[in-house]
Protein backbone atom coordinates (compact mmCIF):
# COMPACT_ATOMS: atom_id res chain seq x y z
CA UNK A 1 0.00 0.00 0.00
CA UNK A 2 2.74 2.46 0.95
CA UNK A 3 4.53 1.92 -2.37
CA UNK A 4 1.30 2.51 -4.27
CA UNK A 5 0.57 5.73 -2.34
CA UNK A 6 4.11 6.93 -3.08
CA UNK A 7 3.63 6.26 -6.79
CA UNK A 8 0.33 8.14 -6.91
CA UNK A 9 1.82 11.15 -5.13
CA UNK A 10 4.95 11.16 -7.28
CA UNK A 11 2.89 10.94 -10.48
CA UNK A 12 0.91 14.05 -9.46
CA UNK A 13 4.05 15.95 -8.47
CA UNK A 14 5.68 15.11 -11.80
CA UNK A 15 2.56 16.21 -13.69
CA UNK A 16 2.73 19.62 -12.01
CA UNK A 17 6.46 20.00 -12.63
CA UNK A 18 6.10 19.17 -16.33
CA UNK A 19 2.92 21.28 -16.75
CA UNK A 20 0.88 18.34 -17.97
CA UNK A 21 -2.86 18.97 -18.43
CA UNK A 22 -5.00 17.62 -15.60
CA UNK A 23 -6.37 14.16 -16.14
CA UNK A 24 -8.13 11.74 -13.86
CA UNK A 25 -5.84 9.09 -12.40
CA UNK A 26 -6.50 5.71 -13.95
CA UNK A 27 -5.26 2.15 -13.96
CA UNK A 28 -3.01 1.22 -11.06
CA UNK A 29 -2.71 4.89 -10.05
CA UNK A 30 -6.45 5.46 -9.56
CA UNK A 31 -7.34 5.83 -5.84
CA UNK A 32 -9.88 3.20 -4.85
CA UNK A 33 -11.66 5.20 -2.15
CA UNK A 34 -11.63 8.47 -0.20
CA UNK A 35 -9.19 7.32 2.53
CA UNK A 36 -6.67 6.21 -0.08
CA UNK A 37 -7.04 9.49 -1.96
CA UNK A 38 -6.30 11.47 1.21
CA UNK A 39 -3.35 9.19 1.99
CA UNK A 40 -1.93 10.09 -1.43
CA UNK A 41 -2.62 13.78 -0.79
CA UNK A 42 -0.78 13.70 2.52
CA UNK A 43 2.21 12.01 0.86
CA UNK A 44 2.07 14.70 -1.86
CA UNK A 45 2.28 17.32 0.91
CA UNK A 46 5.55 15.76 2.05
CA UNK A 47 6.93 15.86 -1.49
CA UNK A 48 5.91 19.51 -1.94
CA UNK A 49 7.46 20.50 1.40
CA UNK A 50 10.71 18.88 0.28
CA UNK A 51 10.37 20.77 -3.02
CA UNK A 52 10.25 24.22 -1.41
CA UNK A 53 6.57 25.07 -1.02
CA UNK A 54 7.07 25.31 2.75
CA UNK A 55 5.38 23.69 5.70
CA UNK A 56 1.60 23.40 5.80
CA UNK A 57 0.01 26.70 6.73
CA UNK A 58 -3.67 25.82 6.65
CA UNK A 59 -6.51 24.03 4.87
CA UNK A 60 -9.03 24.63 2.09
CA UNK A 61 -12.49 23.32 1.23
CA UNK A 62 -13.53 22.50 -2.35
CA UNK A 63 -16.69 21.16 -4.03
CA UNK A 64 -18.79 22.91 -1.41
CA UNK A 65 -21.89 23.18 -3.60
CA UNK A 66 -24.29 20.34 -4.43
CA UNK A 67 -23.93 21.08 -8.15
CA UNK A 68 -20.15 20.63 -8.00
CA UNK A 69 -20.52 17.46 -5.93
CA UNK A 70 -23.00 15.90 -8.34
CA UNK A 71 -20.67 16.72 -11.23
CA UNK A 72 -17.89 14.74 -9.51
CA UNK A 73 -20.09 11.90 -8.24
CA UNK A 74 -19.82 12.53 -4.50
CA UNK A 75 -22.11 13.88 -1.78
CA UNK A 76 -19.63 15.83 0.35
CA UNK A 77 -16.94 18.52 0.02
CA UNK A 78 -13.25 17.74 -0.22
CA UNK A 79 -10.26 19.29 1.54
CA UNK A 80 -6.73 20.27 0.61
CA UNK A 81 -3.76 21.95 2.26
CA UNK A 82 -2.37 25.48 1.97
CA UNK A 83 1.42 25.83 2.04
CA UNK A 84 2.89 28.52 4.28
CA UNK A 85 5.14 29.93 1.55
CA UNK A 86 2.06 30.52 -0.60
CA UNK A 87 0.07 32.66 1.87
CA UNK A 88 0.43 36.29 0.75
CA UNK A 89 -0.80 39.57 2.20
CA UNK A 90 -2.89 41.90 0.01
CA UNK A 91 -2.26 43.77 -2.22
CA UNK A 92 -0.47 41.30 -4.49
CA UNK A 93 0.70 41.38 -8.11
CA UNK A 94 1.35 38.03 -9.81
CA UNK A 95 2.61 36.93 -13.22
CA UNK A 96 0.14 34.68 -15.00
CA UNK A 97 3.00 32.84 -16.72
CA UNK A 98 4.08 31.48 -13.32
CA UNK A 99 0.91 29.37 -13.12
CA UNK A 100 -0.58 26.58 -15.24
CA UNK A 101 -4.33 27.09 -15.61
CA UNK A 102 -4.87 29.77 -12.95
CA UNK A 103 -8.30 30.34 -11.41
CA UNK A 104 -9.23 32.83 -8.69
CA UNK A 105 -11.88 32.14 -6.03
CA UNK A 106 -13.49 34.53 -3.56
CA UNK A 107 -13.63 33.46 0.04
CA UNK A 108 -13.89 34.17 3.72
CA UNK A 109 -10.76 33.00 5.54
CA UNK A 110 -10.22 32.38 9.23
CA UNK A 111 -7.05 32.25 11.29
CA UNK A 112 -7.22 29.71 14.08
CA UNK A 113 -6.68 30.58 17.74
CA UNK A 114 -6.19 26.97 18.89
CA UNK A 115 -4.74 23.68 17.73
CA UNK A 116 -7.72 21.65 16.48
CA UNK A 117 -7.22 18.03 17.54
CA UNK A 118 -9.45 15.05 18.08
CA UNK A 119 -9.50 15.87 21.79
CA UNK A 120 -11.67 18.94 21.01
CA UNK A 121 -14.19 17.05 18.87
CA UNK A 122 -17.00 17.07 18.02
CA UNK A 123 -16.91 20.30 16.04
CA UNK A 124 -20.10 22.04 14.97
CA UNK A 125 -21.16 25.23 13.24
CA UNK A 126 -22.55 26.50 16.54
CA UNK A 127 -19.34 26.04 18.53
CA UNK A 128 -16.43 26.31 16.07
CA UNK A 129 -16.14 30.12 16.34
CA UNK A 130 -14.57 29.79 19.81
CA UNK A 131 -11.46 28.47 18.04
CA UNK A 132 -11.14 31.44 15.62
CA UNK A 133 -8.62 34.23 16.18
CA UNK A 134 -9.55 36.43 13.18
CA UNK A 135 -11.62 36.54 9.99
CA UNK A 136 -10.45 37.94 6.62
CA UNK A 137 -11.46 38.36 2.98
CA UNK A 138 -9.30 36.15 0.76
CA UNK A 139 -8.60 34.94 -2.72
CA UNK A 140 -7.68 31.35 -3.35
CA UNK A 141 -5.43 30.71 -6.32
CA UNK A 142 -6.22 27.36 -7.92
CA UNK A 143 -4.26 25.41 -10.52
CA UNK A 144 -6.67 23.28 -12.52
CA UNK A 145 -4.14 22.53 -15.29
CA UNK A 146 -6.85 23.26 -17.86
CA UNK A 147 -9.04 20.42 -16.59
CA UNK A 148 -12.17 19.28 -18.40
CA UNK A 149 -14.81 20.07 -15.77
CA UNK A 150 -17.30 17.71 -17.39
CA UNK A 151 -15.33 14.59 -16.43
CA UNK A 152 -13.75 15.47 -13.08
CA UNK A 153 -13.12 12.65 -10.65
CA UNK A 154 -13.30 13.65 -6.99
CA UNK A 155 -10.76 11.05 -5.83
CA UNK A 156 -8.17 12.44 -8.25
CA UNK A 157 -8.92 15.98 -7.07
CA UNK A 158 -8.43 14.90 -3.46
CA UNK A 159 -5.11 13.25 -4.26
CA UNK A 160 -4.10 16.41 -6.18
CA UNK A 161 -4.54 18.55 -3.04
CA UNK A 162 -7.83 20.00 -4.33
CA UNK A 163 -5.77 22.20 -6.70
CA UNK A 164 -4.65 24.76 -4.10
CA UNK A 165 -1.87 27.05 -5.35
CA UNK A 166 -1.96 29.75 -2.69
CA UNK A 167 -4.01 32.27 -0.75
CA UNK A 168 -4.04 36.07 -0.78
CA UNK A 169 -5.22 37.36 2.56
CA UNK A 170 -6.87 40.70 3.25
CA UNK A 171 -6.82 42.47 6.61
CA UNK A 172 -8.86 41.28 9.58
CA UNK A 173 -12.54 42.16 9.50
CA UNK A 174 -13.00 44.38 12.57
CA UNK A 175 -15.48 43.38 15.28
CA UNK A 176 -16.27 40.16 13.42
CA UNK A 177 -17.61 38.42 16.55
CA UNK A 178 -20.52 40.85 16.57
CA UNK A 179 -21.44 39.94 12.97
CA UNK A 180 -23.46 37.12 11.44
CA UNK A 181 -20.86 35.47 9.21
CA UNK A 182 -23.62 33.98 7.04
CA UNK A 183 -25.13 37.36 6.23
CA UNK A 184 -22.21 39.58 5.24
CA UNK A 185 -22.57 41.17 1.78
CA UNK A 186 -19.59 40.77 -0.51
CA UNK A 187 -18.75 42.53 -3.77
CA UNK A 188 -16.30 41.59 -6.50
CA UNK A 189 -14.91 44.52 -8.51
CA UNK A 190 -13.19 43.17 -11.65
CA UNK A 191 -11.62 45.80 -13.89
CA UNK A 192 -14.42 48.13 -15.05
CA UNK A 193 -17.14 45.46 -15.11
CA UNK A 194 -20.35 45.86 -13.15
CA UNK A 195 -19.75 44.84 -9.50
CA UNK A 196 -20.79 41.28 -8.65
CA UNK A 197 -22.64 40.92 -5.31
CA UNK A 198 -23.05 37.83 -3.14
CA UNK A 199 -23.26 36.80 0.53
CA UNK A 200 -20.77 34.97 2.71
CA UNK A 201 -23.43 32.44 3.70
CA UNK A 202 -23.35 30.87 0.23
CA UNK A 203 -20.27 28.96 1.41
CA UNK A 204 -21.57 28.30 4.97
CA UNK A 205 -18.23 29.47 6.44
CA UNK A 206 -18.63 28.19 10.01
CA UNK A 207 -20.20 24.94 8.85
CA UNK A 208 -17.35 24.49 6.37
CA UNK A 209 -14.76 25.15 9.07
CA UNK A 210 -16.38 22.60 11.38
CA UNK A 211 -16.50 20.08 8.51
CA UNK A 212 -12.79 20.35 7.66
CA UNK A 213 -11.83 20.27 11.36
CA UNK A 214 -13.83 17.06 11.77
CA UNK A 215 -12.29 15.54 8.64
CA UNK A 216 -8.65 16.24 9.48
CA UNK A 217 -8.85 15.41 13.18
CA UNK A 218 -10.88 12.29 12.37
CA UNK A 219 -7.89 11.07 10.35
CA UNK A 220 -5.57 11.75 13.28
CA UNK A 221 -4.30 15.11 12.05
CA UNK A 222 -4.11 18.56 13.62
CA UNK A 223 -4.93 21.98 12.21
CA UNK A 224 -2.65 24.32 14.13
CA UNK A 225 -3.15 27.64 15.88
CA UNK A 226 -2.19 30.38 13.42
CA UNK A 227 -3.19 28.28 10.41
CA UNK A 228 -5.44 29.79 7.74
CA UNK A 229 -8.60 27.98 6.65
CA UNK A 230 -10.44 29.21 3.56
CA UNK A 231 -14.09 28.24 3.60
CA UNK A 232 -15.25 28.10 -0.02
CA UNK A 233 -15.89 30.53 -2.87
CA UNK A 234 -19.15 32.50 -2.88
CA UNK A 235 -18.69 33.65 -6.48
CA UNK A 236 -17.99 31.49 -9.53
CA UNK A 237 -14.31 30.87 -10.25
CA UNK A 238 -12.77 33.43 -12.60
CA UNK A 239 -9.83 32.87 -14.95
CA UNK A 240 -7.75 36.05 -15.20
CA UNK A 241 -5.86 37.55 -18.13
CA UNK A 242 -2.78 39.79 -18.05
CA UNK A 243 -3.79 43.32 -17.08
CA UNK A 244 -6.74 42.25 -14.91
CA UNK A 245 -7.20 43.96 -11.56
CA UNK A 246 -9.68 42.79 -8.96
CA UNK A 247 -10.87 43.87 -5.53
CA UNK A 248 -13.02 41.65 -3.33
CA UNK A 249 -14.79 43.47 -0.52
CA UNK A 250 -16.64 42.06 2.51
CA UNK A 251 -19.33 44.39 3.89
CA UNK A 252 -17.20 47.48 3.30
CA UNK A 253 -15.09 46.39 6.27
CA UNK A 254 -12.07 44.80 4.59
CA UNK A 255 -10.95 43.95 1.08
CA UNK A 256 -8.30 42.04 -0.81
CA UNK A 257 -6.65 43.25 -4.03
CA UNK A 258 -4.93 41.32 -6.83
CA UNK A 259 -3.31 42.51 -10.07
CA UNK A 260 -2.34 40.18 -12.93
CA UNK A 261 0.57 40.76 -15.29
């Protein structure tokens, strides 16, 4: 089993390094179930740490919506890791050529106040906020390697770290404990286009945080104090072009800015 997990993880790492288009794992490299897919993901983390992406700095949630889940043939979200060297403070300018199939997602991020371990379980939407130190607007950068979204396989996405390529973090939302985190209005300003409105509750941020805490600790892992957890995009993924500039605002209280060259 260990040799097989190593081969799956190494195949994904090599695909990223050689800029191969995304494809579902098949044959002997296809994960057989969710636990095996996460085992391959965790081994991939080790390989990426050795390759310079830095220690783990947090977690992400993907496939949060029912539509996305049905497309991939599952009935639950999936999780991936954020690498510490890829957490950036807004404003940020990036070069599109440094990425292979770059998408941008629009999220509410939390920084944890406590180590989340199995000893603190169970986690729920109603109690998870006690473990939060701060709340921020954020972009997630995803690398989909020009995937065909009509034939995505969730087990391959899990093994491929749910495509996370970094996070851009805005400043802390002031007085967030007095706010309903499901009801905050957000606005995406993209170049000179009409602003795009949404609400934070579309991603169920506290429910998503409780879900990923339960998942990771249930597998014997820890999400550490100071880690960043991004809780799901509330606006459809956008694929930027050179010259694009975007600002994502949460309730006029804090924003995050990204420029593409």
